[in-house]
Protein backbone atom coordinates (compact mmCIF):
# COMPACT_ATOMS: atom_id res chain seq x y z
CA UNK A 1 -55.44 15.36 11.96
CA UNK A 2 -52.74 17.10 9.37
CA UNK A 3 -49.51 17.18 10.10
CA UNK A 4 -48.93 20.66 11.27
CA UNK A 5 -52.13 19.82 14.01
CA UNK A 6 -50.32 16.39 15.17
CA UNK A 7 -47.22 18.89 15.85
CA UNK A 8 -49.49 21.32 17.66
CA UNK A 9 -50.90 18.24 19.86
CA UNK A 10 -47.42 16.89 20.25
CA UNK A 11 -45.63 20.51 21.14
CA UNK A 12 -48.39 21.28 23.82
CA UNK A 13 -48.01 17.60 25.02
CA UNK A 14 -44.50 18.40 25.78
CA UNK A 15 -44.93 21.74 27.28
CA UNK A 16 -47.37 20.45 29.60
CA UNK A 17 -44.60 17.48 30.68
CA UNK A 18 -41.30 19.64 30.56
CA UNK A 19 -42.94 21.84 33.77
CA UNK A 20 -41.64 25.02 32.53
CA UNK A 21 -43.94 27.90 33.09
CA UNK A 22 -41.34 30.57 33.35
CA UNK A 23 -40.36 30.47 29.46
CA UNK A 24 -43.58 31.72 28.77
CA UNK A 25 -45.25 34.76 28.88
CA UNK A 26 -47.86 34.34 26.77
CA UNK A 27 -48.88 30.90 25.37
CA UNK A 28 -51.54 31.19 22.81
CA UNK A 29 -55.01 28.77 23.58
CA UNK A 30 -54.03 24.77 22.23
CA UNK A 31 -57.63 25.31 19.91
CA UNK A 32 -56.25 28.84 18.69
CA UNK A 33 -52.92 27.13 17.57
CA UNK A 34 -54.83 24.37 15.98
CA UNK A 35 -57.27 26.21 13.46
CA UNK A 36 -54.48 28.44 12.64
CA UNK A 37 -52.07 24.90 11.67
CA UNK A 38 -55.05 23.42 9.96
CA UNK A 39 -55.25 26.69 7.89
CA UNK A 40 -51.70 26.49 7.29
CA UNK A 41 -52.09 22.90 6.00
CA UNK A 42 -54.75 24.16 3.96
CA UNK A 43 -53.07 26.26 2.07
CA UNK A 44 -50.31 23.79 1.52
CA UNK A 45 -52.38 21.75 -0.19
CA UNK A 46 -53.68 24.22 -2.08
CA UNK A 47 -50.18 24.44 -3.88
CA UNK A 48 -48.78 27.97 -1.92
CA UNK A 49 -45.10 27.78 -1.34
CA UNK A 50 -44.53 27.05 2.06
CA UNK A 51 -41.73 26.42 3.64
CA UNK A 52 -41.85 26.53 6.98
CA UNK A 53 -45.44 24.87 6.92
CA UNK A 54 -46.04 23.68 10.13
CA UNK A 55 -42.79 25.15 12.23
CA UNK A 56 -43.67 25.90 15.16
CA UNK A 57 -42.08 29.11 16.54
CA UNK A 58 -41.54 31.29 19.90
CA UNK A 59 -41.18 34.88 19.66
CA UNK A 60 -39.34 37.29 22.30
CA UNK A 61 -41.42 39.18 24.73
CA UNK A 62 -40.74 42.12 22.89
CA UNK A 63 -41.86 41.68 19.88
CA UNK A 64 -45.21 42.31 18.45
CA UNK A 65 -47.75 39.29 17.75
CA UNK A 66 -51.04 40.69 16.55
CA UNK A 67 -54.21 39.90 19.51
CA UNK A 68 -51.19 39.04 21.88
CA UNK A 69 -49.84 41.46 24.59
CA UNK A 70 -46.58 42.80 24.22
CA UNK A 71 -45.04 43.11 27.71
CA UNK A 72 -41.00 43.20 27.31
CA UNK A 73 -41.14 41.36 30.09
CA UNK A 74 -42.72 43.95 32.33
CA UNK A 75 -46.38 43.25 32.36
CA UNK A 76 -47.82 46.65 33.50
CA UNK A 77 -46.06 48.32 30.25
CA UNK A 78 -48.21 45.80 28.20
CA UNK A 79 -50.09 47.06 25.33
CA UNK A 80 -51.85 44.92 21.96
CA UNK A 81 -50.28 45.41 18.59
CA UNK A 82 -52.49 45.43 15.84
CA UNK A 83 -50.58 43.49 13.31
CA UNK A 84 -47.26 41.07 13.65
CA UNK A 85 -43.76 42.70 13.65
CA UNK A 86 -42.41 42.36 9.91
CA UNK A 87 -40.19 39.79 11.11
CA UNK A 88 -43.37 37.48 12.69
CA UNK A 89 -44.85 38.19 9.41
CA UNK A 90 -42.35 37.13 7.69
CA UNK A 91 -42.14 33.68 9.09
CA UNK A 92 -46.03 33.09 9.11
CA UNK A 93 -46.01 34.07 5.44
CA UNK A 94 -43.55 31.23 4.87
CA UNK A 95 -46.20 28.02 7.05
CA UNK A 96 -44.85 28.92 10.63
CA UNK A 97 -47.17 28.75 13.17
CA UNK A 98 -46.53 30.87 16.57
CA UNK A 99 -47.12 29.34 19.99
CA UNK A 100 -46.50 32.41 22.27
CA UNK A 101 -44.52 35.15 23.64
CA UNK A 102 -41.18 33.67 25.73
CA UNK A 103 -40.17 35.53 28.74
CA UNK A 104 -36.70 37.63 28.86
CA UNK A 105 -34.89 40.08 30.91
CA UNK A 106 -37.42 43.02 30.71
CA UNK A 107 -36.56 45.68 28.53
CA UNK A 108 -34.00 43.43 27.01
CA UNK A 109 -31.44 44.83 29.23
CA UNK A 110 -29.45 41.61 30.73
CA UNK A 111 -27.31 38.61 29.62
CA UNK A 112 -28.72 36.30 32.22
CA UNK A 113 -32.34 35.11 32.12
CA UNK A 114 -33.28 35.83 35.84
CA UNK A 115 -34.39 39.82 35.34
CA UNK A 116 -38.09 38.85 35.06
CA UNK A 117 -41.20 39.21 37.23
CA UNK A 118 -41.78 35.28 35.49
CA UNK A 119 -38.81 34.00 37.39
CA UNK A 120 -35.43 33.08 36.04
CA UNK A 121 -35.33 30.78 33.05
CA UNK A 122 -32.58 28.09 33.72
CA UNK A 123 -30.78 25.98 31.24
CA UNK A 124 -32.27 22.88 29.83
CA UNK A 125 -29.05 21.20 30.14
CA UNK A 126 -27.46 22.31 33.44
CA UNK A 127 -30.86 23.38 35.64
CA UNK A 128 -28.49 24.84 38.45
CA UNK A 129 -27.34 27.34 35.88
CA UNK A 130 -28.71 30.42 34.01
CA UNK A 131 -30.14 30.30 30.83
CA UNK A 132 -28.92 33.39 29.64
CA UNK A 133 -30.71 36.12 28.22
CA UNK A 134 -32.21 38.79 27.39
CA UNK A 135 -33.93 36.34 25.05
CA UNK A 136 -33.69 33.48 27.60
CA UNK A 137 -37.59 31.65 27.21
CA UNK A 138 -37.06 31.82 23.01
CA UNK A 139 -33.78 29.73 23.78
CA UNK A 140 -34.86 27.53 26.17
CA UNK A 141 -38.27 26.72 24.35
CA UNK A 142 -36.17 25.68 20.76
CA UNK A 143 -33.75 23.44 23.23
CA UNK A 144 -36.15 22.00 25.14
CA UNK A 145 -37.77 20.70 21.96
CA UNK A 146 -41.24 22.93 22.52
CA UNK A 147 -40.50 24.99 19.60
CA UNK A 148 -38.87 24.69 16.06
CA UNK A 149 -37.57 28.09 15.67
CA UNK A 150 -38.01 30.90 17.98
CA UNK A 151 -37.09 35.06 17.31
CA UNK A 152 -35.40 36.84 19.53
CA UNK A 153 -33.55 40.35 19.72
CA UNK A 154 -29.67 41.16 20.16
CA UNK A 155 -28.40 44.22 21.41
CA UNK A 156 -25.58 43.04 23.44
CA UNK A 157 -25.46 39.22 22.66
CA UNK A 158 -28.96 38.23 23.83
CA UNK A 159 -29.54 36.12 20.82
CA UNK A 160 -26.29 34.59 20.94
CA UNK A 161 -25.11 33.97 25.19
CA UNK A 162 -28.50 31.94 25.84
CA UNK A 163 -27.79 29.71 22.81
CA UNK A 164 -24.37 28.95 24.01
CA UNK A 165 -25.84 28.12 27.26
CA UNK A 166 -28.97 26.36 25.79
CA UNK A 167 -27.12 24.30 23.23
CA UNK A 168 -28.83 25.76 20.70
CA UNK A 169 -27.45 28.10 17.59
CA UNK A 170 -28.04 31.06 17.29
CA UNK A 171 -27.92 33.91 13.81
CA UNK A 172 -27.18 37.40 14.45
CA UNK A 173 -27.59 39.84 11.81
CA UNK A 174 -25.65 42.89 11.73
CA UNK A 175 -28.08 45.74 12.47
CA UNK A 176 -30.08 47.27 9.96
CA UNK A 177 -30.81 43.31 7.89
CA UNK A 178 -33.67 42.60 9.53
CA UNK A 179 -36.49 45.49 10.24
CA UNK A 180 -36.96 45.77 13.89
CA UNK A 181 -40.01 47.48 13.07
CA UNK A 182 -42.50 46.12 16.15
CA UNK A 183 -39.92 45.63 18.63
CA UNK A 184 -39.58 47.44 21.79
CA UNK A 185 -36.34 49.44 21.25
CA UNK A 186 -33.60 48.38 23.85
CA UNK A 187 -30.77 51.23 21.92
CA UNK A 188 -33.11 51.78 18.81
CA UNK A 189 -29.51 52.22 16.63
CA UNK A 190 -28.10 48.80 17.68
CA UNK A 191 -31.14 46.48 18.24
CA UNK A 192 -30.86 43.35 15.33
CA UNK A 193 -33.67 40.58 15.51
CA UNK A 194 -31.57 37.51 16.04
CA UNK A 195 -33.06 33.83 14.98
CA UNK A 196 -32.60 30.69 17.57
CA UNK A 197 -32.83 26.53 16.15
CA UNK A 198 -31.55 23.66 16.66
CA UNK A 199 -29.87 23.18 13.79
CA UNK A 200 -27.85 25.57 11.62
CA UNK A 201 -29.76 24.67 8.26
CA UNK A 202 -32.55 25.64 10.29
CA UNK A 203 -31.47 28.62 11.36
CA UNK A 204 -29.76 29.69 8.35
CA UNK A 205 -33.18 28.94 6.11
CA UNK A 206 -35.08 31.36 8.33
CA UNK A 207 -32.78 33.76 8.06
CA UNK A 208 -32.82 33.58 4.71
CA UNK A 209 -36.98 34.25 4.95
CA UNK A 210 -36.08 37.40 7.07
CA UNK A 211 -33.80 38.94 4.96
CA UNK A 212 -31.30 38.22 1.87
CA UNK A 213 -27.99 38.79 3.09
CA UNK A 214 -25.35 39.01 0.25
CA UNK A 215 -21.86 38.18 0.99
CA UNK A 216 -18.80 40.25 -0.88
CA UNK A 217 -16.89 38.69 -3.31
CA UNK A 218 -13.81 36.60 -1.70
CA UNK A 219 -10.66 35.76 -3.30
CA UNK A 220 -10.15 31.38 -3.76
CA UNK A 221 -8.71 29.96 -1.17
CA UNK A 222 -9.33 28.04 2.43
CA UNK A 223 -11.51 30.23 5.24
CA UNK A 224 -9.02 32.77 6.94
CA UNK A 225 -10.10 32.27 10.51
CA UNK A 226 -8.91 35.36 13.22
CA UNK A 227 -7.90 33.90 17.02
CA UNK A 228 -6.65 35.97 19.37
CA UNK A 229 -4.03 34.37 22.24
CA UNK A 230 -6.12 32.42 24.43
CA UNK A 231 -4.09 34.94 27.03
CA UNK A 232 -5.71 37.50 25.91
CA UNK A 233 -9.30 36.14 26.38
CA UNK A 234 -9.30 36.95 30.10
CA UNK A 235 -10.18 34.99 32.84
CA UNK A 236 -12.43 32.07 31.83
CA UNK A 237 -14.00 29.52 33.21
CA UNK A 238 -12.24 26.16 34.31
CA UNK A 239 -11.86 23.98 30.88
CA UNK A 240 -13.34 27.01 29.15
CA UNK A 241 -10.21 28.01 27.25
CA UNK A 242 -8.80 25.01 26.13
CA UNK A 243 -12.73 23.83 24.68
CA UNK A 244 -11.80 27.32 22.61
CA UNK A 245 -8.63 26.23 21.54
CA UNK A 246 -10.23 22.69 20.51
CA UNK A 247 -12.85 24.62 18.59
CA UNK A 248 -9.93 26.37 16.88
CA UNK A 249 -8.06 23.14 16.02
CA UNK A 250 -11.28 21.52 13.98
CA UNK A 251 -11.47 24.77 12.16
CA UNK A 252 -7.83 24.49 11.09
CA UNK A 253 -8.42 20.28 10.85
CA UNK A 254 -11.37 21.12 8.15
CA UNK A 255 -9.01 23.23 6.01
CA UNK A 256 -9.31 27.01 7.60
CA UNK A 257 -6.45 29.39 7.89
CA UNK A 258 -5.86 30.25 11.27
CA UNK A 259 -4.43 33.71 11.44
CA UNK A 260 -3.03 35.66 14.82
CA UNK A 261 -5.30 38.78 16.11
CA UNK A 262 -4.94 41.37 18.78
CA UNK A 263 -8.76 41.51 20.69
CA UNK A 264 -8.15 44.80 22.46
CA UNK A 265 -9.81 46.86 20.27
CA UNK A 266 -12.71 44.29 20.45
CA UNK A 267 -12.69 44.24 24.11
CA UNK A 268 -12.48 47.83 24.71
CA UNK A 269 -15.63 48.54 22.12
CA UNK A 270 -17.45 46.48 24.53
CA UNK A 271 -16.54 48.07 27.16
CA UNK A 272 -18.15 51.30 25.43
CA UNK A 273 -21.55 49.48 25.30
CA UNK A 274 -22.77 49.89 29.30
CA UNK A 275 -20.08 51.64 30.30
CA UNK A 276 -20.15 54.64 28.08
CA UNK A 277 -23.01 57.07 26.85
CA UNK A 278 -24.63 54.61 24.47
CA UNK A 279 -27.17 53.21 27.24
CA UNK A 280 -28.45 56.49 27.30
CA UNK A 281 -30.68 55.05 24.48
CA UNK A 282 -32.01 52.55 26.92
CA UNK A 283 -33.51 55.68 28.62
CA UNK A 284 -34.98 56.95 25.57
CA UNK A 285 -36.88 54.02 24.77
CA UNK A 286 -38.62 53.27 28.03
CA UNK A 287 -37.10 55.47 30.58
CA UNK A 288 -40.07 57.49 31.27
CA UNK A 289 -42.56 54.45 32.05
CA UNK A 290 -39.97 53.35 34.80
CA UNK A 291 -39.34 56.80 35.93
CA UNK A 292 -43.13 56.36 36.71
CA UNK A 293 -42.69 53.12 39.43
CA UNK A 294 -44.39 50.19 39.21
CA UNK A 295 -44.56 46.79 41.00
CA UNK A 296 -43.39 44.54 38.48
CA UNK A 297 -40.15 46.75 37.29
CA UNK A 298 -36.97 44.48 38.28
CA UNK A 299 -34.68 46.43 40.61
CA UNK A 300 -31.72 45.83 38.74
CA UNK A 301 -33.06 46.68 35.15
CA UNK A 302 -34.98 50.42 37.02
CA UNK A 303 -31.32 51.18 38.34
CA UNK A 304 -29.45 50.80 34.96
CA UNK A 305 -32.42 52.64 33.21
CA UNK A 306 -32.90 55.10 35.48
CA UNK A 307 -29.06 55.87 35.69
CA UNK A 308 -28.79 56.25 31.86
CA UNK A 309 -30.94 59.55 32.28
CA UNK A 310 -28.49 61.95 33.25
CA UNK A 311 -25.84 61.33 30.53
CA UNK A 312 -24.94 64.37 29.13
CA UNK A 313 -24.88 65.03 24.86
CA UNK A 314 -21.16 65.57 25.13
CA UNK A 315 -19.93 61.98 26.72
CA UNK A 316 -22.56 60.53 23.62
CA UNK A 317 -20.40 62.63 20.87
CA UNK A 318 -17.20 61.61 21.83
CA UNK A 319 -18.19 57.73 22.99
CA UNK A 320 -19.14 57.88 18.78
CA UNK A 321 -16.25 59.77 18.41
CA UNK A 322 -13.87 57.00 20.24
CA UNK A 323 -16.30 54.46 18.80
CA UNK A 324 -14.66 55.18 14.66
CA UNK A 325 -11.32 55.04 15.68
CA UNK A 326 -12.05 51.65 17.19
CA UNK A 327 -13.81 50.55 14.21
CA UNK A 328 -10.96 51.56 12.31
CA UNK A 329 -8.78 49.42 14.44
CA UNK A 330 -11.02 46.43 14.41
CA UNK A 331 -11.45 46.36 11.13
CA UNK A 332 -7.37 46.37 10.43
CA UNK A 333 -7.16 43.70 12.93
CA UNK A 334 -9.69 41.65 10.72
CA UNK A 335 -8.14 43.07 7.74
CA UNK A 336 -9.26 39.87 5.28
CA UNK A 337 -9.74 37.55 7.34
CA UNK A 338 -13.71 35.74 6.94
CA UNK A 339 -14.24 35.85 10.20
CA UNK A 340 -13.18 36.10 13.92
CA UNK A 341 -13.52 32.95 16.45
CA UNK A 342 -14.51 33.62 20.18
CA UNK A 343 -16.06 31.72 22.79
CA UNK A 344 -19.30 33.14 23.40
CA UNK A 345 -19.20 33.90 26.61
CA UNK A 346 -15.98 33.67 29.66
CA UNK A 347 -17.92 31.45 31.75
CA UNK A 348 -21.47 29.73 32.70
CA UNK A 349 -22.93 30.77 36.06
CA UNK A 350 -25.20 29.58 38.37
CA UNK A 351 -28.57 30.80 39.34
CA UNK A 352 -27.09 31.21 42.72
CA UNK A 353 -23.94 33.57 41.45
CA UNK A 354 -26.23 35.96 39.54
CA UNK A 355 -28.57 36.09 42.69
CA UNK A 356 -25.30 37.05 44.27
CA UNK A 357 -24.24 39.53 41.84
CA UNK A 358 -26.64 40.49 39.22
CA UNK A 359 -24.70 43.20 37.62
CA UNK A 360 -21.20 41.98 37.81
CA UNK A 361 -22.02 38.86 36.72
CA UNK A 362 -24.19 40.16 33.01
CA UNK A 363 -20.99 42.38 32.88
CA UNK A 364 -18.56 39.37 32.50
CA UNK A 365 -20.85 37.51 30.16
CA UNK A 366 -20.62 40.53 27.79
CA UNK A 367 -17.32 40.33 27.16
CA UNK A 368 -17.35 39.24 23.89
CA UNK A 369 -20.72 39.68 22.55
CA UNK A 370 -20.75 43.47 23.41
CA UNK A 371 -18.79 44.89 20.63
CA UNK A 372 -20.73 42.64 17.34
CA UNK A 373 -23.83 46.05 16.96
CA UNK A 374 -21.19 48.38 17.93
CA UNK A 375 -18.76 47.60 15.07
CA UNK A 376 -21.66 46.54 12.52
CA UNK A 377 -21.21 42.63 12.62
CA UNK A 378 -22.84 40.02 11.69
CA UNK A 379 -22.45 36.59 14.08
CA UNK A 380 -22.83 32.46 14.45
CA UNK A 381 -23.08 31.29 18.13
CA UNK A 382 -22.98 27.40 18.06
CA UNK A 383 -22.54 24.61 20.10
CA UNK A 384 -18.46 23.70 20.69
CA UNK A 385 -18.69 21.09 22.54
CA UNK A 386 -18.84 20.67 26.24
CA UNK A 387 -17.06 21.27 29.63
CA UNK A 388 -17.75 19.43 33.07
CA UNK A 389 -20.92 17.90 31.06
CA UNK A 390 -22.03 21.31 30.30
CA UNK A 391 -22.89 23.29 27.30
CA UNK A 392 -20.03 25.16 25.76
CA UNK A 393 -20.16 27.96 23.02
CA UNK A 394 -18.55 29.31 20.22
CA UNK A 395 -19.08 31.96 18.08
CA UNK A 396 -18.13 33.71 14.83
CA UNK A 397 -17.97 37.39 13.82
CA UNK A 398 -17.68 38.84 10.14
CA UNK A 399 -18.56 41.67 8.14
CA UNK A 400 -22.44 43.00 7.53
CA UNK A 401 -23.57 40.94 4.76
CA UNK A 402 -21.52 38.01 5.29
CA UNK A 403 -24.05 35.81 7.54
CA UNK A 404 -24.17 32.83 4.82
CA UNK A 405 -20.47 32.85 5.24
CA UNK A 406 -20.30 33.15 8.64
CA UNK A 407 -23.08 29.92 8.98
CA UNK A 408 -21.46 28.01 6.48
CA UNK A 409 -18.02 28.33 8.56
CA UNK A 410 -19.96 27.57 11.71
CA UNK A 411 -21.10 24.34 10.47
CA UNK A 412 -17.76 23.00 10.78
CA UNK A 413 -17.62 23.42 14.35
CA UNK A 414 -20.35 21.23 15.12
CA UNK A 415 -18.86 18.57 17.46
CA UNK A 416 -21.34 15.89 18.49
CA UNK A 417 -22.34 15.47 22.09
CA UNK A 418 -21.82 12.91 24.29
CA UNK A 419 -24.33 11.23 26.48
CA UNK A 420 -23.65 8.49 29.08
CA UNK A 421 -26.57 6.08 29.71
CA UNK A 422 -26.95 3.21 32.37
CA UNK A 423 -29.97 1.51 31.74
CA UNK A 424 -33.22 1.42 29.67
CA UNK A 425 -31.19 2.83 26.89
CA UNK A 426 -28.14 0.76 26.75
CA UNK A 427 -27.74 -1.14 23.03
CA UNK A 428 -30.21 -3.94 23.04
CA UNK A 429 -32.43 -2.05 25.60
CA UNK A 430 -35.97 -1.29 24.73
CA UNK A 431 -35.59 2.59 24.59
CA UNK A 432 -32.60 2.19 22.81
CA UNK A 433 -33.92 3.18 19.89
CA UNK A 434 -35.04 6.47 21.09
CA UNK A 435 -31.43 7.63 20.82
CA UNK A 436 -30.82 5.78 17.15
CA UNK A 437 -33.83 7.72 15.87
CA UNK A 438 -31.91 11.20 16.61
CA UNK A 439 -29.12 9.88 15.05
CA UNK A 440 -26.61 8.88 18.28
CA UNK A 441 -24.04 6.30 17.95
CA UNK A 442 -21.96 4.37 20.04
CA UNK A 443 -18.69 5.57 20.77
CA UNK A 444 -17.57 3.78 23.94
CA UNK A 445 -18.08 1.00 26.26
CA UNK A 446 -17.23 1.84 30.14
CA UNK A 447 -17.93 2.34 33.75
CA UNK A 448 -18.41 4.87 35.66
CA UNK A 449 -15.90 6.71 38.23
CA UNK A 450 -16.70 4.59 41.36
CA UNK A 451 -18.92 7.17 42.86
CA UNK A 452 -22.23 6.08 42.49
CA UNK A 453 -24.65 3.74 43.84
CA UNK A 454 -27.71 2.17 41.37
CA UNK A 455 -31.07 1.76 42.20
CA UNK A 456 -34.35 -0.46 41.08
CA UNK A 457 -37.22 2.52 41.26
CA UNK A 458 -40.73 0.72 41.48
CA UNK A 459 -42.17 1.98 37.84
CA UNK A 460 -43.54 0.37 35.15
CA UNK A 461 -41.58 -0.20 33.28
CA UNK A 462 -39.05 -0.49 35.56
CA UNK A 463 -35.88 1.11 35.73
CA UNK A 464 -32.72 2.15 37.15
CA UNK A 465 -31.61 5.61 39.15
CA UNK A 466 -28.01 6.40 39.31
CA UNK A 467 -27.06 8.66 42.06
CA UNK A 468 -23.79 10.47 43.56
CA UNK A 469 -22.81 9.55 46.71
CA UNK A 470 -19.54 10.96 48.70
CA UNK A 471 -18.94 7.85 50.45
CA UNK A 472 -19.49 3.76 49.66
CA UNK A 473 -20.22 4.61 45.58
CA UNK A 474 -19.09 2.04 42.58
CA UNK A 475 -18.30 1.93 39.35
CA UNK A 476 -21.75 1.38 37.34
CA UNK A 477 -21.68 -0.03 33.55
CA UNK A 478 -22.48 2.47 31.16
CA UNK A 479 -22.19 2.96 27.43
CA UNK A 480 -21.27 6.60 25.83
CA UNK A 481 -23.42 7.80 22.99
CA UNK A 482 -22.29 10.41 20.22
CA UNK A 483 -25.76 12.24 19.22
CA UNK A 484 -26.03 15.98 16.93
CA UNK A 485 -26.16 18.69 19.44
CA UNK A 486 -29.36 19.60 18.36
CA UNK A 487 -31.10 16.81 19.97
CA UNK A 488 -29.92 16.91 23.29
CA UNK A 489 -32.34 19.24 24.10
CA UNK A 490 -35.34 17.29 22.73
CA UNK A 491 -33.91 14.49 24.40
CA UNK A 492 -33.93 16.30 27.66
CA UNK A 493 -37.12 17.95 27.34
CA UNK A 494 -38.63 14.20 27.10
CA UNK A 495 -37.35 12.89 30.46
CA UNK A 496 -40.13 12.32 32.86
CA UNK A 497 -39.41 13.05 36.50
CA UNK A 498 -37.93 12.30 38.54
CA UNK A 499 -35.19 11.22 35.89
CA UNK A 500 -32.60 14.63 34.69
CA UNK A 501 -29.50 15.16 32.68
CA UNK A 502 -26.44 16.10 34.29
CA UNK A 503 -22.80 15.60 34.82
CA UNK A 504 -21.45 11.93 35.13
CA UNK A 505 -17.72 11.16 36.14
CA UNK A 506 -16.81 8.35 34.16
CA UNK A 507 -13.93 5.92 35.51
CA UNK A 508 -11.19 7.31 33.27
CA UNK A 509 -11.90 10.96 34.86
CA UNK A 510 -13.46 12.56 31.83
CA UNK A 511 -17.11 13.70 32.55
CA UNK A 512 -20.10 13.80 30.13
CA UNK A 513 -24.15 14.65 30.30
CA UNK A 514 -26.14 11.32 31.70
CA UNK A 515 -28.95 10.09 33.68
CA UNK A 516 -29.20 11.11 36.99
CA UNK A 517 -32.48 10.42 39.15
CA UNK A 518 -33.33 13.10 42.03
CA UNK A 519 -32.98 11.75 45.55
CA UNK A 520 -36.18 12.41 46.42
CA UNK A 521 -37.31 9.06 43.91
CA UNK A 522 -34.80 6.82 46.18
CA UNK A 523 -37.31 5.73 49.42
CA UNK A 524 -38.80 2.12 48.66
CA UNK A 525 -35.82 1.76 45.81
CA UNK A 526 -33.80 -1.21 45.64
CA UNK A 527 -30.24 -0.90 45.92
CA UNK A 528 -28.51 -2.76 42.89
CA UNK A 529 -25.19 -1.13 42.78
CA UNK A 530 -23.88 -4.81 43.91
CA UNK A 531 -25.11 -5.78 40.82
CA UNK A 532 -22.44 -3.61 38.56
CA UNK A 533 -24.99 -2.40 36.39
CA UNK A 534 -28.47 -2.47 34.91
CA UNK A 535 -27.84 -5.50 32.77
CA UNK A 536 -26.19 -7.71 35.46
CA UNK A 537 -29.64 -6.71 37.77
CA UNK A 538 -31.81 -8.08 34.68
CA UNK A 539 -29.43 -10.81 34.31
CA UNK A 540 -29.62 -11.96 37.75
CA UNK A 541 -33.73 -10.96 38.12
CA UNK A 542 -34.56 -12.73 34.73
CA UNK A 543 -35.60 -9.37 32.83
């Protein structure tokens, strides 16, 4: 079996193991994908230059893949394109292999990943919280380790919000850099094709194959980063402001020059995207179809699109004039700065919060992302650490054509993620090599807060189960490992049920991501809390 074929086999095994069918709209038959992998290997063996040979690609459901239905998240809208969209064709020509098309907020309308007849897509790292939209399935496929790369689209932030919530990288060029032919439009004048990957180098390589951005000359000196006052960011989730300020400090520590910026023209521009007349483009794209109705139309999406039908032309003209003024003010604020640093979102809502207020939560999520395409900016969304054990993302914005420069600055921001382990992944235990293979390093030997019970599951091999309890808990021996951000999603995808990743509180009160167990697995399991940890239990049991 060739290398590409082995990668395909491993991917389909991971897809079955992950149990996340809502990630996909159309998953290609494994036999067909294996045949394509065989052809890629043959081309590589014949000496063809294939920089992405064997790379597995997921494609958002509003981007054409030859022979697969393009649904834009609405099955009754589907059509079968005869050829790939140029973005898909470019990556396939470089050796990428398409696994299938991925779930999305219907007609790319929303930032939550829940507006879909295929079901909501949750975060790979926080299952009670949204995965972000509208490119939810593409980001999740990468975060779960099912695909190496994914294509999304980005009009209001759809290539950046999912990256933040899934702990992966999202690169969005300025409008016009990558052709949008073969993409079901949301707002045709603003739409962008975006790239998701687990690491910046992978994302940058893909973006270079899709387009050739050229940064204008800059004078020598440190990177100049515009950083607005935290007070101008508005209401943020608990811990978000501190995480943002820490990201700014990391840039300064790496030698960047931080300078203040008034965020007002950016936030006022953001309000124009949905609060102004530009939303009329959504009706122009699919309004006639939505007006005919259909059983699989998402009611929130249909309401937004239909409401844009009666926007008068004079409002659009006035908003374009206002946008021209705001562009001038925003450019003046940026000055000669290389980038603007912002949190990708103001927070990370739960699935329940979005269900209770689907429009309000999506509007809040676009506070920092909505302005980028109206202002003609490129962006890089990267992991910025974690808050309460959940991923926190930051975003760098820059002038059109400076994609490589922005990505280079973003590379300075990648902090390691912290993972608490209490069982077979401890140093010297059988599964510890899995961590080492991912580039992890031991950061601390510690214990949990006295709020947990430890159980020995009746499995082969035996494994412990850590469960948080309301009372009667104890401190459990733990190790904290630091590992690259890209590694955690793949690690989560390989976890068999009933194990899961979630927030674990340590004895010093800090929270990190750690191994937990579903309570449904505990009946019949032995409570081994009294041993103080897995090693203590094994020592007493002669293991």
